[in-house]
């Protein structure tokens, strides 16, 4: 028989438990024990010669697997070893220049005994994330990260909910700390995320820009009719006006052409276009993009400036063109 439960109230209560747990962990960071352990753990991982090996069982194992992926994608070589499989040969994957990051809320998970013993025997330093101060994992860790035992969101205080959130938060916080210690940049991030939407966002503009004969460029002294012809031929709605030395003097858009024609509507189209010199319609300089700028940043600039296309510049010369439509088609948004 279904028990009557107010879903919104239940979700709100669970979120309150999570907030309280994170608040307790934030407060615990001011204690000498946890603050010293966190700083030591970060330095240990940063200076290791090998890999960061994460392990756990049950819900803690799922968190450890996720954390391994986060560390690996942010510049810290890491992988997950299942605690049970470790006892059946996977201990051979661990070397003495590695660091073990082990997760067990109770700190007494029997499946973790062999991997802890292995670490001690072969002098592989252990960092433990646990909820019990006097537990086996805490006592055997070089840096025990003992988290506050906040109440689980489960009404019976049994299902790992708040505890797994705290383990995840501490692990992710360590990964972010290591990322900053390594000076890990957006370009570094792209090296590990070449696929999908994120890969597109982190790609430099030079990899996707239109270039060569595709570029809509005309000399500075041409009549408007040639600008109109170039806009029509290239189809980007913009033309770059070049100085004799090849540098970009400015740009003319199809909107500039339209506004010019509207402001001179009293004359015949032939006379208006025939009399006009392109330079008179030009916006000097214009908004330009560096070829090494990430696509996500380029899109932000173009949307902020409310333009649909921009020339890519190198040494004052237009070497490419990027459009908002092109970026959106790639999934950069």
C-alpha atoms as a PDB file:
ATOM      1  CA  UNK A   1       0.000   0.000   0.000  1.00  0.00           C
ATOM      2  CA  UNK A   2       1.390   3.353  -1.019  1.00  0.00           C
ATOM      3  CA  UNK A   3       2.174   5.657   1.865  1.00  0.00           C
ATOM      4  CA  UNK A   4       1.036   9.239   1.492  1.00  0.00           C
ATOM      5  CA  UNK A   5       4.076  11.457   1.103  1.00  0.00           C
ATOM      6  CA  UNK A   6       4.381  15.070   0.023  1.00  0.00           C
ATOM      7  CA  UNK A   7       7.174  14.836  -2.597  1.00  0.00           C
ATOM      8  CA  UNK A   8       8.125  18.499  -2.405  1.00  0.00           C
ATOM      9  CA  UNK A   9       8.342  18.423   1.381  1.00  0.00           C
ATOM     10  CA  UNK A  10      10.384  15.220   1.303  1.00  0.00           C
ATOM     11  CA  UNK A  11      12.826  16.600  -1.262  1.00  0.00           C
ATOM     12  CA  UNK A  12      13.154  19.832   0.724  1.00  0.00           C
ATOM     13  CA  UNK A  13      13.943  17.875   3.889  1.00  0.00           C
ATOM     14  CA  UNK A  14      16.577  15.832   2.083  1.00  0.00           C
ATOM     15  CA  UNK A  15      18.205  18.983   0.705  1.00  0.00           C
ATOM     16  CA  UNK A  16      18.234  20.453   4.200  1.00  0.00           C
ATOM     17  CA  UNK A  17      20.111  17.367   5.431  1.00  0.00           C
ATOM     18  CA  UNK A  18      22.615  17.815   2.594  1.00  0.00           C
ATOM     19  CA  UNK A  19      23.075  21.512   3.373  1.00  0.00           C
ATOM     20  CA  UNK A  20      23.571  20.753   7.064  1.00  0.00           C
ATOM     21  CA  UNK A  21      26.122  18.067   6.247  1.00  0.00           C
ATOM     22  CA  UNK A  22      28.109  20.346   3.953  1.00  0.00           C
ATOM     23  CA  UNK A  23      27.927  23.085   6.572  1.00  0.00           C
ATOM     24  CA  UNK A  24      29.334  20.738   9.203  1.00  0.00           C
ATOM     25  CA  UNK A  25      32.149  19.747   6.864  1.00  0.00           C
ATOM     26  CA  UNK A  26      32.919  23.396   6.183  1.00  0.00           C
ATOM     27  CA  UNK A  27      33.152  24.004   9.933  1.00  0.00           C
ATOM     28  CA  UNK A  28      35.316  20.895  10.401  1.00  0.00           C
ATOM     29  CA  UNK A  29      37.874  22.325   7.969  1.00  0.00           C
ATOM     30  CA  UNK A  30      38.795  24.867  10.634  1.00  0.00           C
ATOM     31  CA  UNK A  31      39.883  22.091  13.008  1.00  0.00           C
ATOM     32  CA  UNK A  32      43.643  21.379  13.094  1.00  0.00           C
ATOM     33  CA  UNK A  33      43.217  17.661  12.377  1.00  0.00           C
ATOM     34  CA  UNK A  34      41.198  17.950   9.176  1.00  0.00           C
ATOM     35  CA  UNK A  35      42.875  21.103   7.869  1.00  0.00           C
ATOM     36  CA  UNK A  36      46.344  19.556   8.320  1.00  0.00           C
ATOM     37  CA  UNK A  37      45.229  16.304   6.672  1.00  0.00           C
ATOM     38  CA  UNK A  38      43.680  18.090   3.691  1.00  0.00           C
ATOM     39  CA  UNK A  39      46.794  20.193   3.088  1.00  0.00           C
ATOM     40  CA  UNK A  40      49.025  17.133   3.452  1.00  0.00           C
ATOM     41  CA  UNK A  41      46.880  15.063   1.121  1.00  0.00           C
ATOM     42  CA  UNK A  42      46.959  17.758  -1.572  1.00  0.00           C
ATOM     43  CA  UNK A  43      50.759  18.071  -1.370  1.00  0.00           C
ATOM     44  CA  UNK A  44      51.204  14.290  -1.388  1.00  0.00           C
ATOM     45  CA  UNK A  45      49.121  13.866  -4.544  1.00  0.00           C
ATOM     46  CA  UNK A  46      50.759  16.852  -6.241  1.00  0.00           C
ATOM     47  CA  UNK A  47      54.278  15.497  -5.641  1.00  0.00           C
ATOM     48  CA  UNK A  48      53.614  11.829  -6.394  1.00  0.00           C
ATOM     49  CA  UNK A  49      55.593  10.224  -9.209  1.00  0.00           C
ATOM     50  CA  UNK A  50      52.982   7.614 -10.087  1.00  0.00           C
ATOM     51  CA  UNK A  51      49.192   7.567 -10.220  1.00  0.00           C
ATOM     52  CA  UNK A  52      46.375   8.220  -7.792  1.00  0.00           C
ATOM     53  CA  UNK A  53      44.615   4.909  -7.117  1.00  0.00           C
ATOM     54  CA  UNK A  54      41.067   5.207  -5.802  1.00  0.00           C
ATOM     55  CA  UNK A  55      39.159   2.347  -4.273  1.00  0.00           C
ATOM     56  CA  UNK A  56      36.035   1.577  -2.294  1.00  0.00           C
ATOM     57  CA  UNK A  57      33.125  -0.805  -2.099  1.00  0.00           C
ATOM     58  CA  UNK A  58      29.378  -0.323  -2.379  1.00  0.00           C
ATOM     59  CA  UNK A  59      28.220   3.295  -2.501  1.00  0.00           C
ATOM     60  CA  UNK A  60      31.698   4.509  -1.519  1.00  0.00           C
ATOM     61  CA  UNK A  61      33.037   2.538  -4.474  1.00  0.00           C
ATOM     62  CA  UNK A  62      30.702   4.342  -6.854  1.00  0.00           C
ATOM     63  CA  UNK A  63      31.901   7.674  -5.465  1.00  0.00           C
ATOM     64  CA  UNK A  64      35.546   6.573  -5.771  1.00  0.00           C
ATOM     65  CA  UNK A  65      35.010   5.591  -9.408  1.00  0.00           C
ATOM     66  CA  UNK A  66      33.500   8.988 -10.187  1.00  0.00           C
ATOM     67  CA  UNK A  67      36.336  10.792  -8.390  1.00  0.00           C
ATOM     68  CA  UNK A  68      38.932   8.849 -10.369  1.00  0.00           C
ATOM     69  CA  UNK A  69      37.359  10.195 -13.549  1.00  0.00           C
ATOM     70  CA  UNK A  70      37.365  13.741 -12.170  1.00  0.00           C
ATOM     71  CA  UNK A  71      41.016  13.624 -11.098  1.00  0.00           C
ATOM     72  CA  UNK A  72      42.086  12.097 -14.422  1.00  0.00           C
ATOM     73  CA  UNK A  73      40.245  14.728 -16.448  1.00  0.00           C
ATOM     74  CA  UNK A  74      41.768  17.613 -14.505  1.00  0.00           C
ATOM     75  CA  UNK A  75      45.450  16.735 -14.758  1.00  0.00           C
ATOM     76  CA  UNK A  76      46.009  14.154 -11.999  1.00  0.00           C
ATOM     77  CA  UNK A  77      46.689  10.644 -13.420  1.00  0.00           C
ATOM     78  CA  UNK A  78      44.159   8.444 -11.647  1.00  0.00           C
ATOM     79  CA  UNK A  79      42.164   5.241 -11.971  1.00  0.00           C
ATOM     80  CA  UNK A  80      39.759   3.143  -9.944  1.00  0.00           C
ATOM     81  CA  UNK A  81      40.516  -0.314  -8.525  1.00  0.00           C
ATOM     82  CA  UNK A  82      37.576  -2.309  -7.170  1.00  0.00           C
ATOM     83  CA  UNK A  83      38.371  -3.350  -3.599  1.00  0.00           C
ATOM     84  CA  UNK A  84      37.176  -6.946  -4.115  1.00  0.00           C
ATOM     85  CA  UNK A  85      39.035  -7.358  -7.408  1.00  0.00           C
ATOM     86  CA  UNK A  86      42.163  -5.989  -5.764  1.00  0.00           C
ATOM     87  CA  UNK A  87      42.290  -9.097  -3.578  1.00  0.00           C
ATOM     88  CA  UNK A  88      42.205 -11.307  -6.683  1.00  0.00           C
ATOM     89  CA  UNK A  89      45.125  -9.930  -8.647  1.00  0.00           C
ATOM     90  CA  UNK A  90      44.398  -6.250  -9.243  1.00  0.00           C
ATOM     91  CA  UNK A  91      46.784  -5.292  -6.444  1.00  0.00           C
ATOM     92  CA  UNK A  92      49.436  -5.806  -9.133  1.00  0.00           C
ATOM     93  CA  UNK A  93      48.184  -2.591 -10.748  1.00  0.00           C
ATOM     94  CA  UNK A  94      49.473  -0.587  -7.780  1.00  0.00           C
ATOM     95  CA  UNK A  95      53.132   0.502  -7.602  1.00  0.00           C
ATOM     96  CA  UNK A  96      55.057   2.000  -4.717  1.00  0.00           C
ATOM     97  CA  UNK A  97      55.306   5.422  -6.364  1.00  0.00           C
ATOM     98  CA  UNK A  98      51.494   5.637  -6.456  1.00  0.00           C
ATOM     99  CA  UNK A  99      49.175   7.101  -3.828  1.00  0.00           C
ATOM    100  CA  UNK A 100      46.089   5.300  -2.524  1.00  0.00           C
ATOM    101  CA  UNK A 101      42.908   7.300  -1.928  1.00  0.00           C
ATOM    102  CA  UNK A 102      40.529   4.915  -0.152  1.00  0.00           C
ATOM    103  CA  UNK A 103      36.880   5.577   0.679  1.00  0.00           C
ATOM    104  CA  UNK A 104      34.958   3.824   3.453  1.00  0.00           C
ATOM    105  CA  UNK A 105      32.430   5.652   5.613  1.00  0.00           C
ATOM    106  CA  UNK A 106      32.741   3.158   8.460  1.00  0.00           C
ATOM    107  CA  UNK A 107      36.464   2.759   7.938  1.00  0.00           C
ATOM    108  CA  UNK A 108      36.059  -0.941   8.694  1.00  0.00           C
ATOM    109  CA  UNK A 109      34.914  -2.352   5.350  1.00  0.00           C
ATOM    110  CA  UNK A 110      36.354  -5.869   5.299  1.00  0.00           C
ATOM    111  CA  UNK A 111      36.886  -5.867   1.527  1.00  0.00           C
ATOM    112  CA  UNK A 112      39.330  -2.960   2.016  1.00  0.00           C
ATOM    113  CA  UNK A 113      41.615  -4.941   4.369  1.00  0.00           C
ATOM    114  CA  UNK A 114      43.846  -6.389   1.659  1.00  0.00           C
ATOM    115  CA  UNK A 115      44.412  -3.135  -0.202  1.00  0.00           C
ATOM    116  CA  UNK A 116      45.199  -1.341   3.083  1.00  0.00           C
ATOM    117  CA  UNK A 117      47.644  -4.103   4.054  1.00  0.00           C
ATOM    118  CA  UNK A 118      49.250  -3.953   0.606  1.00  0.00           C
ATOM    119  CA  UNK A 119      49.741  -0.212   0.915  1.00  0.00           C
ATOM    120  CA  UNK A 120      51.410  -0.587   4.301  1.00  0.00           C
ATOM    121  CA  UNK A 121      53.584  -3.511   3.192  1.00  0.00           C
ATOM    122  CA  UNK A 122      54.920  -1.811   0.066  1.00  0.00           C
ATOM    123  CA  UNK A 123      55.022   1.709   1.493  1.00  0.00           C
ATOM    124  CA  UNK A 124      52.290   3.067  -0.774  1.00  0.00           C
ATOM    125  CA  UNK A 125      50.973   6.126   1.103  1.00  0.00           C
ATOM    126  CA  UNK A 126      47.278   6.026   1.988  1.00  0.00           C
ATOM    127  CA  UNK A 127      44.799   8.884   2.138  1.00  0.00           C
ATOM    128  CA  UNK A 128      41.534   7.796   3.710  1.00  0.00           C
ATOM    129  CA  UNK A 129      38.145   9.462   3.390  1.00  0.00           C
ATOM    130  CA  UNK A 130      36.016   8.112   6.230  1.00  0.00           C
ATOM    131  CA  UNK A 131      33.477   9.081   8.863  1.00  0.00           C
ATOM    132  CA  UNK A 132      35.110   7.439  11.898  1.00  0.00           C
ATOM    133  CA  UNK A 133      38.120   8.814  13.744  1.00  0.00           C
ATOM    134  CA  UNK A 134      39.350   5.585  15.341  1.00  0.00           C
ATOM    135  CA  UNK A 135      38.613   3.299  12.401  1.00  0.00           C
ATOM    136  CA  UNK A 136      41.141   1.015  10.744  1.00  0.00           C
ATOM    137  CA  UNK A 137      41.219   3.174   7.606  1.00  0.00           C
ATOM    138  CA  UNK A 138      41.767   6.363   9.607  1.00  0.00           C
ATOM    139  CA  UNK A 139      44.523   4.843  11.748  1.00  0.00           C
ATOM    140  CA  UNK A 140      46.377   3.343   8.759  1.00  0.00           C
ATOM    141  CA  UNK A 141      46.183   6.490   6.615  1.00  0.00           C
ATOM    142  CA  UNK A 142      49.058   8.918   6.355  1.00  0.00           C
ATOM    143  CA  UNK A 143      46.440  11.623   5.931  1.00  0.00           C
ATOM    144  CA  UNK A 144      43.020  10.613   7.314  1.00  0.00           C
ATOM    145  CA  UNK A 145      40.262  12.890   6.044  1.00  0.00           C
ATOM    146  CA  UNK A 146      37.699  12.207   8.756  1.00  0.00           C
ATOM    147  CA  UNK A 147      34.400  13.848   7.835  1.00  0.00           C
ATOM    148  CA  UNK A 148      31.614  14.796  10.259  1.00  0.00           C
ATOM    149  CA  UNK A 149      28.969  12.123  10.805  1.00  0.00           C
ATOM    150  CA  UNK A 150      26.054  14.226   9.661  1.00  0.00           C
ATOM    151  CA  UNK A 151      22.593  12.677   9.641  1.00  0.00           C
ATOM    152  CA  UNK A 152      21.660  10.796   6.485  1.00  0.00           C
ATOM    153  CA  UNK A 153      18.763  12.163   4.451  1.00  0.00           C
ATOM    154  CA  UNK A 154      17.204   8.719   4.745  1.00  0.00           C
ATOM    155  CA  UNK A 155      14.470   8.935   7.452  1.00  0.00           C
ATOM    156  CA  UNK A 156      15.931   5.791   9.057  1.00  0.00           C
ATOM    157  CA  UNK A 157      19.451   7.290   8.979  1.00  0.00           C
ATOM    158  CA  UNK A 158      20.599   4.174   7.107  1.00  0.00           C
ATOM    159  CA  UNK A 159      20.821   4.651   3.325  1.00  0.00           C
ATOM    160  CA  UNK A 160      24.114   6.378   2.396  1.00  0.00           C
ATOM    161  CA  UNK A 161      22.988   9.795   1.164  1.00  0.00           C
ATOM    162  CA  UNK A 162      24.510  12.676   3.102  1.00  0.00           C
ATOM    163  CA  UNK A 163      27.635  10.594   3.752  1.00  0.00           C
ATOM    164  CA  UNK A 164      28.223   9.867   0.072  1.00  0.00           C
ATOM    165  CA  UNK A 165      27.598  13.518  -0.765  1.00  0.00           C
ATOM    166  CA  UNK A 166      30.297  14.555   1.728  1.00  0.00           C
ATOM    167  CA  UNK A 167      32.749  12.009   0.304  1.00  0.00           C
ATOM    168  CA  UNK A 168      32.054  13.273  -3.198  1.00  0.00           C
ATOM    169  CA  UNK A 169      32.367  16.910  -2.131  1.00  0.00           C
ATOM    170  CA  UNK A 170      35.700  16.330  -0.402  1.00  0.00           C
ATOM    171  CA  UNK A 171      37.087  14.382  -3.355  1.00  0.00           C
ATOM    172  CA  UNK A 172      35.952  16.954  -5.895  1.00  0.00           C
ATOM    173  CA  UNK A 173      37.341  19.757  -3.729  1.00  0.00           C
ATOM    174  CA  UNK A 174      40.718  17.998  -3.669  1.00  0.00           C
ATOM    175  CA  UNK A 175      40.600  17.578  -7.458  1.00  0.00           C
ATOM    176  CA  UNK A 176      39.880  21.289  -7.913  1.00  0.00           C
ATOM    177  CA  UNK A 177      42.708  22.135  -5.520  1.00  0.00           C
ATOM    178  CA  UNK A 178      45.147  19.973  -7.499  1.00  0.00           C
ATOM    179  CA  UNK A 179      43.895  21.551 -10.725  1.00  0.00           C
ATOM    180  CA  UNK A 180      44.786  24.979  -9.358  1.00  0.00           C
ATOM    181  CA  UNK A 181      48.131  23.817  -7.965  1.00  0.00           C
ATOM    182  CA  UNK A 182      49.097  22.485 -11.397  1.00  0.00           C
ATOM    183  CA  UNK A 183      48.086  25.690 -13.176  1.00  0.00           C
ATOM    184  CA  UNK A 184      45.650  23.610 -15.230  1.00  0.00           C
ATOM    185  CA  UNK A 185      44.203  25.912 -17.914  1.00  0.00           C
ATOM    186  CA  UNK A 186      41.249  25.780 -20.268  1.00  0.00           C
ATOM    187  CA  UNK A 187      43.645  24.638 -22.979  1.00  0.00           C
ATOM    188  CA  UNK A 188      44.856  21.839 -20.701  1.00  0.00           C
ATOM    189  CA  UNK A 189      41.232  20.883 -20.058  1.00  0.00           C
ATOM    190  CA  UNK A 190      40.581  20.685 -23.798  1.00  0.00           C
ATOM    191  CA  UNK A 191      43.398  18.145 -24.212  1.00  0.00           C
ATOM    192  CA  UNK A 192      41.449  15.720 -22.019  1.00  0.00           C
ATOM    193  CA  UNK A 193      37.992  16.587 -23.426  1.00  0.00           C
ATOM    194  CA  UNK A 194      38.271  16.640 -27.232  1.00  0.00           C
ATOM    195  CA  UNK A 195      34.826  15.152 -27.837  1.00  0.00           C
ATOM    196  CA  UNK A 196      31.241  16.331 -27.573  1.00  0.00           C
ATOM    197  CA  UNK A 197      29.869  19.739 -26.694  1.00  0.00           C
ATOM    198  CA  UNK A 198      32.604  20.459 -24.179  1.00  0.00           C
ATOM    199  CA  UNK A 199      35.280  19.640 -26.734  1.00  0.00           C
ATOM    200  CA  UNK A 200      33.711  22.068 -29.196  1.00  0.00           C
ATOM    201  CA  UNK A 201      33.506  24.825 -26.588  1.00  0.00           C
ATOM    202  CA  UNK A 202      37.172  24.389 -25.684  1.00  0.00           C
ATOM    203  CA  UNK A 203      38.428  24.238 -29.265  1.00  0.00           C
ATOM    204  CA  UNK A 204      40.507  27.241 -30.439  1.00  0.00           C
ATOM    205  CA  UNK A 205      38.907  29.392 -33.106  1.00  0.00           C
ATOM    206  CA  UNK A 206      41.766  28.695 -35.541  1.00  0.00           C
ATOM    207  CA  UNK A 207      40.613  25.051 -35.814  1.00  0.00           C
ATOM    208  CA  UNK A 208      37.203  25.905 -37.253  1.00  0.00           C
ATOM    209  CA  UNK A 209      37.444  29.385 -38.802  1.00  0.00           C
ATOM    210  CA  UNK A 210      36.742  30.075 -42.455  1.00  0.00           C
ATOM    211  CA  UNK A 211      39.958  31.025 -44.210  1.00  0.00           C
ATOM    212  CA  UNK A 212      41.724  31.495 -47.522  1.00  0.00           C
ATOM    213  CA  UNK A 213      39.494  32.186 -50.491  1.00  0.00           C
ATOM    214  CA  UNK A 214      36.411  31.944 -48.261  1.00  0.00           C
ATOM    215  CA  UNK A 215      37.227  35.273 -46.618  1.00  0.00           C
ATOM    216  CA  UNK A 216      35.124  38.276 -47.752  1.00  0.00           C
ATOM    217  CA  UNK A 217      37.848  40.896 -48.235  1.00  0.00           C
ATOM    218  CA  UNK A 218      38.062  43.906 -50.560  1.00  0.00           C
ATOM    219  CA  UNK A 219      40.466  46.860 -50.909  1.00  0.00           C
ATOM    220  CA  UNK A 220      39.643  49.982 -48.935  1.00  0.00           C
ATOM    221  CA  UNK A 221      39.053  52.199 -51.993  1.00  0.00           C
ATOM    222  CA  UNK A 222      36.404  50.110 -53.809  1.00  0.00           C
ATOM    223  CA  UNK A 223      32.901  51.419 -54.576  1.00  0.00           C
ATOM    224  CA  UNK A 224      29.896  50.161 -52.607  1.00  0.00           C
ATOM    225  CA  UNK A 225      28.745  48.017 -55.523  1.00  0.00           C
ATOM    226  CA  UNK A 226      31.816  45.787 -55.100  1.00  0.00           C
ATOM    227  CA  UNK A 227      31.110  45.433 -51.394  1.00  0.00           C
ATOM    228  CA  UNK A 228      27.553  44.333 -52.162  1.00  0.00           C
ATOM    229  CA  UNK A 229      28.882  41.845 -54.696  1.00  0.00           C
ATOM    230  CA  UNK A 230      31.365  40.382 -52.184  1.00  0.00           C
ATOM    231  CA  UNK A 231      28.709  40.074 -49.449  1.00  0.00           C
ATOM    232  CA  UNK A 232      26.452  38.236 -51.886  1.00  0.00           C
ATOM    233  CA  UNK A 233      29.232  35.978 -53.143  1.00  0.00           C
ATOM    234  CA  UNK A 234      30.585  34.899 -49.754  1.00  0.00           C
ATOM    235  CA  UNK A 235      27.290  34.860 -47.845  1.00  0.00           C
ATOM    236  CA  UNK A 236      28.554  35.900 -44.402  1.00  0.00           C
ATOM    237  CA  UNK A 237      26.794  39.277 -44.262  1.00  0.00           C
ATOM    238  CA  UNK A 238      30.089  41.060 -43.700  1.00  0.00           C
ATOM    239  CA  UNK A 239      33.072  42.327 -45.680  1.00  0.00           C
ATOM    240  CA  UNK A 240      36.522  43.256 -44.421  1.00  0.00           C
ATOM    241  CA  UNK A 241      38.092  46.418 -45.836  1.00  0.00           C
ATOM    242  CA  UNK A 242      41.844  46.055 -46.279  1.00  0.00           C
ATOM    243  CA  UNK A 243      44.522  48.702 -46.297  1.00  0.00           C
ATOM    244  CA  UNK A 244      47.170  48.501 -49.045  1.00  0.00           C
ATOM    245  CA  UNK A 245      49.489  46.672 -46.614  1.00  0.00           C
ATOM    246  CA  UNK A 246      46.864  43.956 -46.008  1.00  0.00           C
ATOM    247  CA  UNK A 247      45.856  45.082 -42.526  1.00  0.00           C
ATOM    248  CA  UNK A 248      42.171  45.372 -41.641  1.00  0.00           C
ATOM    249  CA  UNK A 249      40.905  48.950 -41.832  1.00  0.00           C
ATOM    250  CA  UNK A 250      37.355  48.118 -40.811  1.00  0.00           C
ATOM    251  CA  UNK A 251      34.231  46.182 -41.739  1.00  0.00           C
ATOM    252  CA  UNK A 252      30.977  46.711 -43.586  1.00  0.00           C
ATOM    253  CA  UNK A 253      27.938  44.563 -42.878  1.00  0.00           C
ATOM    254  CA  UNK A 254      24.787  44.023 -44.854  1.00  0.00           C
ATOM    255  CA  UNK A 255      23.076  46.089 -42.159  1.00  0.00           C
ATOM    256  CA  UNK A 256      25.403  49.007 -42.945  1.00  0.00           C
ATOM    257  CA  UNK A 257      24.423  48.742 -46.615  1.00  0.00           C
ATOM    258  CA  UNK A 258      20.729  48.633 -45.793  1.00  0.00           C
ATOM    259  CA  UNK A 259      20.913  51.642 -43.471  1.00  0.00           C
ATOM    260  CA  UNK A 260      22.849  53.599 -46.089  1.00  0.00           C
ATOM    261  CA  UNK A 261      20.226  52.896 -48.748  1.00  0.00           C
ATOM    262  CA  UNK A 262      17.394  53.795 -46.374  1.00  0.00           C
ATOM    263  CA  UNK A 263      19.038  57.129 -45.501  1.00  0.00           C
ATOM    264  CA  UNK A 264      19.424  57.950 -49.204  1.00  0.00           C
ATOM    265  CA  UNK A 265      16.007  56.776 -50.345  1.00  0.00           C
ATOM    266  CA  UNK A 266      15.319  60.050 -52.198  1.00  0.00           C
ATOM    267  CA  UNK A 267      17.772  59.225 -54.972  1.00  0.00           C
ATOM    268  CA  UNK A 268      17.661  56.416 -57.514  1.00  0.00           C
ATOM    269  CA  UNK A 269      19.284  53.161 -56.487  1.00  0.00           C
ATOM    270  CA  UNK A 270      21.786  53.404 -59.329  1.00  0.00           C
ATOM    271  CA  UNK A 271      22.871  56.919 -58.414  1.00  0.00           C
ATOM    272  CA  UNK A 272      23.053  56.195 -54.673  1.00  0.00           C
ATOM    273  CA  UNK A 273      25.220  53.123 -55.137  1.00  0.00           C
ATOM    274  CA  UNK A 274      27.282  54.624 -57.936  1.00  0.00           C
ATOM    275  CA  UNK A 275      28.226  57.699 -55.971  1.00  0.00           C
ATOM    276  CA  UNK A 276      29.130  55.993 -52.694  1.00  0.00           C
ATOM    277  CA  UNK A 277      32.600  54.923 -51.706  1.00  0.00           C
ATOM    278  CA  UNK A 278      32.751  51.931 -49.421  1.00  0.00           C
ATOM    279  CA  UNK A 279      35.021  53.642 -46.905  1.00  0.00           C
ATOM    280  CA  UNK A 280      32.211  56.052 -45.990  1.00  0.00           C
ATOM    281  CA  UNK A 281      30.054  53.133 -44.747  1.00  0.00           C
ATOM    282  CA  UNK A 282      32.825  51.340 -42.903  1.00  0.00           C
ATOM    283  CA  UNK A 283      33.047  50.735 -39.167  1.00  0.00           C
ATOM    284  CA  UNK A 284      36.706  51.262 -38.348  1.00  0.00           C
ATOM    285  CA  UNK A 285      38.462  48.319 -36.733  1.00  0.00           C
ATOM    286  CA  UNK A 286      35.385  46.315 -35.800  1.00  0.00           C
ATOM    287  CA  UNK A 287      35.190  43.472 -33.284  1.00  0.00           C
ATOM    288  CA  UNK A 288      37.924  40.927 -33.963  1.00  0.00           C
ATOM    289  CA  UNK A 289      38.919  37.577 -32.436  1.00  0.00           C
ATOM    290  CA  UNK A 290      42.320  36.087 -31.684  1.00  0.00           C
ATOM    291  CA  UNK A 291      42.920  32.715 -33.414  1.00  0.00           C
ATOM    292  CA  UNK A 292      43.804  31.039 -30.100  1.00  0.00           C
ATOM    293  CA  UNK A 293      40.662  32.202 -28.333  1.00  0.00           C
ATOM    294  CA  UNK A 294      38.438  29.307 -27.298  1.00  0.00           C
ATOM    295  CA  UNK A 295      35.188  28.936 -29.228  1.00  0.00           C
ATOM    296  CA  UNK A 296      33.125  29.376 -26.066  1.00  0.00           C
ATOM    297  CA  UNK A 297      34.840  32.682 -25.344  1.00  0.00           C
ATOM    298  CA  UNK A 298      34.439  33.812 -28.944  1.00  0.00           C
ATOM    299  CA  UNK A 299      30.704  33.092 -28.830  1.00  0.00           C
ATOM    300  CA  UNK A 300      30.383  35.040 -25.589  1.00  0.00           C
ATOM    301  CA  UNK A 301      32.118  38.074 -27.131  1.00  0.00           C
ATOM    302  CA  UNK A 302      29.959  37.986 -30.244  1.00  0.00           C
ATOM    303  CA  UNK A 303      26.709  37.593 -28.342  1.00  0.00           C
ATOM    304  CA  UNK A 304      27.682  40.340 -25.899  1.00  0.00           C
ATOM    305  CA  UNK A 305      28.536  42.716 -28.772  1.00  0.00           C
ATOM    306  CA  UNK A 306      25.462  41.555 -30.715  1.00  0.00           C
ATOM    307  CA  UNK A 307      27.327  40.696 -33.886  1.00  0.00           C
ATOM    308  CA  UNK A 308      26.897  37.610 -36.051  1.00  0.00           C
ATOM    309  CA  UNK A 309      30.372  37.399 -37.578  1.00  0.00           C
ATOM    310  CA  UNK A 310      33.890  38.503 -36.699  1.00  0.00           C
ATOM    311  CA  UNK A 311      37.257  38.443 -38.395  1.00  0.00           C
ATOM    312  CA  UNK A 312      40.039  36.428 -36.812  1.00  0.00           C
ATOM    313  CA  UNK A 313      43.197  38.509 -36.632  1.00  0.00           C
ATOM    314  CA  UNK A 314      46.880  37.680 -36.398  1.00  0.00           C
ATOM    315  CA  UNK A 315      49.561  40.397 -36.551  1.00  0.00           C
ATOM    316  CA  UNK A 316      46.914  42.932 -37.695  1.00  0.00           C
ATOM    317  CA  UNK A 317      46.019  40.736 -40.670  1.00  0.00           C
ATOM    318  CA  UNK A 318      42.654  38.983 -41.168  1.00  0.00           C
ATOM    319  CA  UNK A 319      43.423  35.253 -41.289  1.00  0.00           C
ATOM    320  CA  UNK A 320      39.955  33.880 -40.717  1.00  0.00           C
ATOM    321  CA  UNK A 321      36.268  34.509 -40.089  1.00  0.00           C
ATOM    322  CA  UNK A 322      33.991  33.019 -37.443  1.00  0.00           C
ATOM    323  CA  UNK A 323      30.182  33.244 -37.281  1.00  0.00           C
ATOM    324  CA  UNK A 324      27.666  32.771 -34.485  1.00  0.00           C
ATOM    325  CA  UNK A 325      25.694  30.376 -36.680  1.00  0.00           C
ATOM    326  CA  UNK A 326      28.792  28.240 -37.166  1.00  0.00           C
ATOM    327  CA  UNK A 327      29.477  28.104 -33.407  1.00  0.00           C
ATOM    328  CA  UNK A 328      25.887  27.233 -32.554  1.00  0.00           C
ATOM    329  CA  UNK A 329      25.845  24.468 -35.167  1.00  0.00           C
ATOM    330  CA  UNK A 330      28.879  22.953 -33.431  1.00  0.00           C
ATOM    331  CA  UNK A 331      27.048  22.955 -30.104  1.00  0.00           C
ATOM    332  CA  UNK A 332      29.063  25.751 -28.501  1.00  0.00           C
ATOM    333  CA  UNK A 333      26.412  27.215 -26.199  1.00  0.00           C
END
